[in-house]
Amino acid sequence: MEEIRKKEKGAVMVEAVIVFPIVLLTVFALIYLGLFKLQEMAMLYQVQRVAHQGAHVLANPGYHELGDYMEKQIDFSSDPADVNAYYKAAHDNLFVLYRELAGYGAWTSEGELQGFMNRVAESTLILAGGSYADNTVTVNRGLFATQIMAEVTFGFPTPGVMRYFGYPDSLEFKQAATAVALDPATFVRMVDLAGDALTIASEKLGIQGDLEKIMNGIREYVF
């Protein structure tokens, strides 16, 4: 009986010294990796939010008339006067009306969108000790569309215990999202402008007949 007790005591000592710490380390590592994945997905959601919402704001001057786009989604069931102001803002002047041609966007700026990015990024800090190393918002205006790219880089120190699992002292990862937004009315207007410009240029150059033959050939081939 005494020998059996000694063996049981030895088994308990082995569990306490070796097995139990290994189990704790494994559980701790799994929890930390789960938080890491949660932080990664939260970042992805936020950069997608900034990219899509920012692109729509850049493409539609009237968004500001419906409230602070940084705080809420646009609600078209709001006061009719606000809705009318939304549509009126898109025709405020010629620069706004033909904003893609003029590269005009005074109703917002990269700096404002950058501030929006910083605010939503700081709201997604999950891992203790982590920080955002680089948040950037890039706006590219084209003839038919506005493109916005949002990027965030997050860095954080890893707990010392993670070294036993092959992880470095610190980790850093990046998330990025791109969105392209265009007001359908703007697209139709730009196509019409391009067609009118082509017609006028062909008349001035005396090649209208040749151009019509080419366009008819393209229509027959495509349709």
Protein backbone atom coordinates (compact mmCIF):
# COMPACT_ATOMS: atom_id res chain seq x y z
CA MET A 1 0.00 0.00 0.00
CA GLU A 2 2.84 2.35 0.86
CA GLU A 3 4.47 1.63 -2.50
CA ILE A 4 1.24 2.46 -4.33
CA ARG A 5 0.98 5.77 -2.47
CA LYS A 6 4.54 6.64 -3.47
CA LYS A 7 3.75 5.92 -7.13
CA GLU A 8 0.59 8.06 -6.98
CA LYS A 9 2.52 10.85 -5.31
CA GLY A 10 5.14 10.64 -8.04
CA ALA A 11 2.48 10.79 -10.74
CA VAL A 12 0.93 13.87 -9.12
CA MET A 13 4.35 15.53 -8.96
CA VAL A 14 4.91 14.84 -12.66
CA GLU A 15 1.52 16.32 -13.51
CA ALA A 16 2.14 19.38 -11.36
CA VAL A 17 5.63 20.04 -12.68
CA ILE A 18 5.31 19.08 -16.37
CA VAL A 19 1.81 18.33 -17.63
CA PHE A 20 -0.14 21.11 -15.90
CA PRO A 21 2.16 23.96 -17.06
CA ILE A 22 2.11 22.64 -20.62
CA VAL A 23 -1.69 22.57 -20.60
CA LEU A 24 -1.82 26.12 -19.22
CA LEU A 25 0.65 27.37 -21.83
CA THR A 26 -1.34 25.73 -24.62
CA VAL A 27 -4.65 27.18 -23.42
CA PHE A 28 -3.07 30.62 -23.04
CA ALA A 29 -1.61 30.44 -26.55
CA LEU A 30 -4.97 29.41 -28.04
CA ILE A 31 -6.76 32.28 -26.28
CA TYR A 32 -4.16 34.76 -27.48
CA LEU A 33 -4.30 33.48 -31.06
CA GLY A 34 -8.08 33.78 -30.91
CA LEU A 35 -7.77 37.42 -29.82
CA PHE A 36 -5.25 37.95 -32.62
CA LYS A 37 -7.74 36.64 -35.18
CA LEU A 38 -10.50 38.77 -33.66
CA GLN A 39 -8.30 41.87 -33.94
CA GLU A 40 -7.51 41.01 -37.56
CA MET A 41 -11.17 40.63 -38.53
CA ALA A 42 -12.16 43.81 -36.67
CA MET A 43 -9.52 45.73 -38.62
CA LEU A 44 -10.73 44.29 -41.92
CA TYR A 45 -14.30 45.34 -41.18
CA GLN A 46 -13.22 48.89 -40.30
CA VAL A 47 -11.06 49.46 -43.39
CA GLN A 48 -13.89 48.17 -45.57
CA ARG A 49 -16.23 50.57 -43.81
CA VAL A 50 -13.91 53.53 -44.36
CA ALA A 51 -13.29 52.64 -48.01
CA HIS A 52 -16.94 52.12 -48.97
CA GLN A 53 -18.39 54.98 -46.95
CA GLY A 54 -15.62 57.36 -47.98
CA ALA A 55 -16.04 56.48 -51.65
CA HIS A 56 -19.75 57.24 -51.55
CA VAL A 57 -19.13 60.55 -49.79
CA LEU A 58 -16.59 61.55 -52.43
CA ALA A 59 -18.92 60.59 -55.26
CA ASN A 60 -22.01 62.25 -53.79
CA PRO A 61 -21.63 65.86 -52.58
CA GLY A 62 -25.03 65.81 -50.88
CA TYR A 63 -24.16 63.30 -48.16
CA HIS A 64 -23.21 66.09 -45.76
CA GLU A 65 -26.72 67.48 -46.04
CA LEU A 66 -28.13 64.37 -44.36
CA GLY A 67 -25.91 64.54 -41.28
CA ASP A 68 -22.46 63.51 -40.15
CA TYR A 69 -21.52 60.52 -42.30
CA MET A 70 -18.82 59.65 -39.73
CA GLU A 71 -21.45 58.88 -37.11
CA LYS A 72 -24.27 57.12 -38.92
CA GLN A 73 -25.54 55.59 -42.11
CA ILE A 74 -27.42 57.89 -44.45
CA ASP A 75 -31.14 57.79 -43.71
CA PHE A 76 -33.28 58.71 -46.70
CA SER A 77 -36.42 58.66 -44.54
CA SER A 78 -35.30 61.89 -42.87
CA ASP A 79 -36.88 65.31 -43.31
CA PRO A 80 -37.88 65.98 -46.97
CA ALA A 81 -35.96 69.26 -46.85
CA ASP A 82 -32.77 67.33 -46.11
CA VAL A 83 -33.42 65.00 -49.03
CA ASN A 84 -34.00 67.96 -51.35
CA ALA A 85 -30.78 69.54 -50.09
CA TYR A 86 -28.98 66.26 -50.85
CA TYR A 87 -29.96 66.41 -54.53
CA LYS A 88 -29.47 70.16 -54.78
CA ALA A 89 -25.87 69.89 -53.54
CA ALA A 90 -24.94 67.81 -56.60
CA HIS A 91 -25.88 70.76 -58.84
CA ASP A 92 -24.50 73.58 -56.74
CA ASN A 93 -22.20 74.89 -59.48
CA LEU A 94 -20.44 73.73 -62.65
CA PHE A 95 -17.39 72.51 -60.75
CA VAL A 96 -19.57 70.20 -58.67
CA LEU A 97 -21.74 69.16 -61.62
CA TYR A 98 -18.69 68.11 -63.65
CA ARG A 99 -16.53 67.20 -60.66
CA GLU A 100 -14.81 64.23 -62.31
CA LEU A 101 -13.60 66.39 -65.18
CA ALA A 102 -12.48 69.16 -62.85
CA GLY A 103 -11.03 66.84 -60.19
CA TYR A 104 -13.14 68.79 -57.73
CA GLY A 105 -14.12 67.62 -54.26
CA ALA A 106 -14.31 70.57 -51.89
CA TRP A 107 -17.11 68.99 -49.83
CA THR A 108 -14.63 66.60 -48.25
CA SER A 109 -10.88 65.91 -48.17
CA GLU A 110 -8.32 63.19 -47.60
CA GLY A 111 -7.58 64.77 -44.22
CA GLU A 112 -11.20 64.43 -43.14
CA LEU A 113 -11.30 60.82 -44.28
CA GLN A 114 -7.97 60.22 -42.55
CA GLY A 115 -9.50 61.47 -39.30
CA PHE A 116 -12.43 59.12 -39.85
CA MET A 117 -9.97 56.26 -40.32
CA ASN A 118 -8.09 57.10 -37.12
CA ARG A 119 -11.29 57.21 -35.10
CA VAL A 120 -12.63 53.87 -36.27
CA ALA A 121 -9.18 52.26 -35.96
CA GLU A 122 -8.79 53.27 -32.33
CA SER A 123 -12.22 51.82 -31.59
CA THR A 124 -11.01 48.35 -32.57
CA LEU A 125 -8.07 47.95 -30.17
CA ILE A 126 -8.51 44.48 -28.71
CA LEU A 127 -4.97 43.27 -27.93
CA ALA A 128 -3.36 44.99 -24.95
CA GLY A 129 -0.24 46.96 -25.80
CA GLY A 130 -1.07 47.12 -29.49
CA SER A 131 -1.00 50.27 -31.56
CA TYR A 132 -1.60 51.40 -35.13
CA ALA A 133 1.69 52.19 -36.83
CA ASP A 134 0.29 53.55 -40.08
CA ASN A 135 -3.23 54.53 -41.15
CA THR A 136 -3.57 55.91 -44.66
CA VAL A 137 -6.45 56.93 -46.91
CA THR A 138 -5.69 57.48 -50.59
CA VAL A 139 -8.17 59.06 -53.00
CA ASN A 140 -7.88 58.63 -56.77
CA ARG A 141 -10.28 60.55 -58.96
CA GLY A 142 -10.96 59.31 -62.47
CA LEU A 143 -13.11 60.42 -65.36
CA PHE A 144 -15.92 57.99 -64.60
CA ALA A 145 -15.38 57.04 -60.97
CA THR A 146 -13.78 57.86 -57.65
CA GLN A 147 -11.58 55.27 -55.97
CA ILE A 148 -10.54 55.24 -52.35
CA MET A 149 -8.06 52.92 -50.65
CA ALA A 150 -7.90 52.54 -46.88
CA GLU A 151 -4.94 50.82 -45.20
CA VAL A 152 -4.10 50.15 -41.57
CA THR A 153 -1.00 48.58 -40.04
CA PHE A 154 -1.24 47.16 -36.53
CA GLY A 155 1.70 46.14 -34.36
CA PHE A 156 1.79 44.59 -30.91
CA PRO A 157 4.27 42.84 -28.58
CA THR A 158 3.77 39.13 -28.07
CA PRO A 159 3.86 37.61 -24.57
CA GLY A 160 7.11 35.91 -23.66
CA VAL A 161 5.40 32.54 -23.44
CA MET A 162 4.66 32.69 -27.18
CA ARG A 163 8.36 32.29 -27.90
CA TYR A 164 7.99 28.63 -26.97
CA PHE A 165 5.64 28.30 -29.93
CA GLY A 166 8.06 29.92 -32.38
CA TYR A 167 6.60 33.45 -32.39
CA PRO A 168 8.86 36.56 -32.47
CA ASP A 169 8.85 39.24 -29.77
CA SER A 170 6.43 41.39 -31.79
CA LEU A 171 4.04 40.97 -34.68
CA GLU A 172 2.70 43.37 -37.28
CA PHE A 173 0.02 42.91 -39.89
CA LYS A 174 -1.78 45.07 -42.42
CA GLN A 175 -5.33 45.24 -43.71
CA ALA A 176 -6.45 47.15 -46.79
CA ALA A 177 -9.68 47.71 -48.69
CA THR A 178 -10.50 49.48 -51.93
CA ALA A 179 -13.85 50.78 -53.10
CA VAL A 180 -15.03 52.52 -56.25
CA ALA A 181 -18.17 54.63 -56.14
CA LEU A 182 -20.03 56.48 -58.83
CA ASP A 183 -23.32 58.29 -59.02
CA PRO A 184 -25.25 56.58 -61.90
CA ALA A 185 -26.45 59.97 -63.16
CA THR A 186 -22.84 61.13 -63.30
CA PHE A 187 -21.85 58.07 -65.33
CA VAL A 188 -24.60 58.69 -67.90
CA ARG A 189 -23.66 62.36 -68.11
CA MET A 190 -19.99 61.55 -68.66
CA VAL A 191 -20.78 59.03 -71.41
CA ASP A 192 -22.99 61.63 -73.09
CA LEU A 193 -20.25 64.25 -72.81
CA ALA A 194 -17.71 61.86 -74.33
CA GLY A 195 -20.07 61.11 -77.24
CA ASP A 196 -20.73 64.79 -77.89
CA ALA A 197 -17.02 65.61 -77.74
CA LEU A 198 -16.26 62.84 -80.23
CA THR A 199 -18.96 64.07 -82.61
CA ILE A 200 -17.77 67.69 -82.48
CA ALA A 201 -14.13 66.68 -82.95
CA SER A 202 -14.97 64.49 -85.95
CA GLU A 203 -16.95 67.32 -87.57
CA LYS A 204 -14.12 69.79 -87.07
CA LEU A 205 -11.58 67.35 -88.52
CA GLY A 206 -13.82 66.36 -91.42
CA ILE A 207 -13.80 62.67 -90.55
CA GLN A 208 -17.39 62.29 -89.43
CA GLY A 209 -18.26 59.92 -92.28
CA ASP A 210 -15.26 57.67 -91.57
CA LEU A 211 -16.05 57.70 -87.87
CA GLU A 212 -19.65 56.65 -88.51
CA LYS A 213 -18.43 53.72 -90.62
CA ILE A 214 -16.12 52.62 -87.84
CA MET A 215 -18.86 52.92 -85.20
CA ASN A 216 -21.33 51.00 -87.38
CA GLY A 217 -18.75 48.26 -87.86
CA ILE A 218 -18.24 48.05 -84.11
CA ARG A 219 -22.00 47.86 -83.50
CA GLU A 220 -22.39 45.04 -86.04
CA TYR A 221 -19.49 43.14 -84.51
CA VAL A 222 -20.61 43.57 -80.90
CA PHE A 223 -24.38 43.31 -81.26
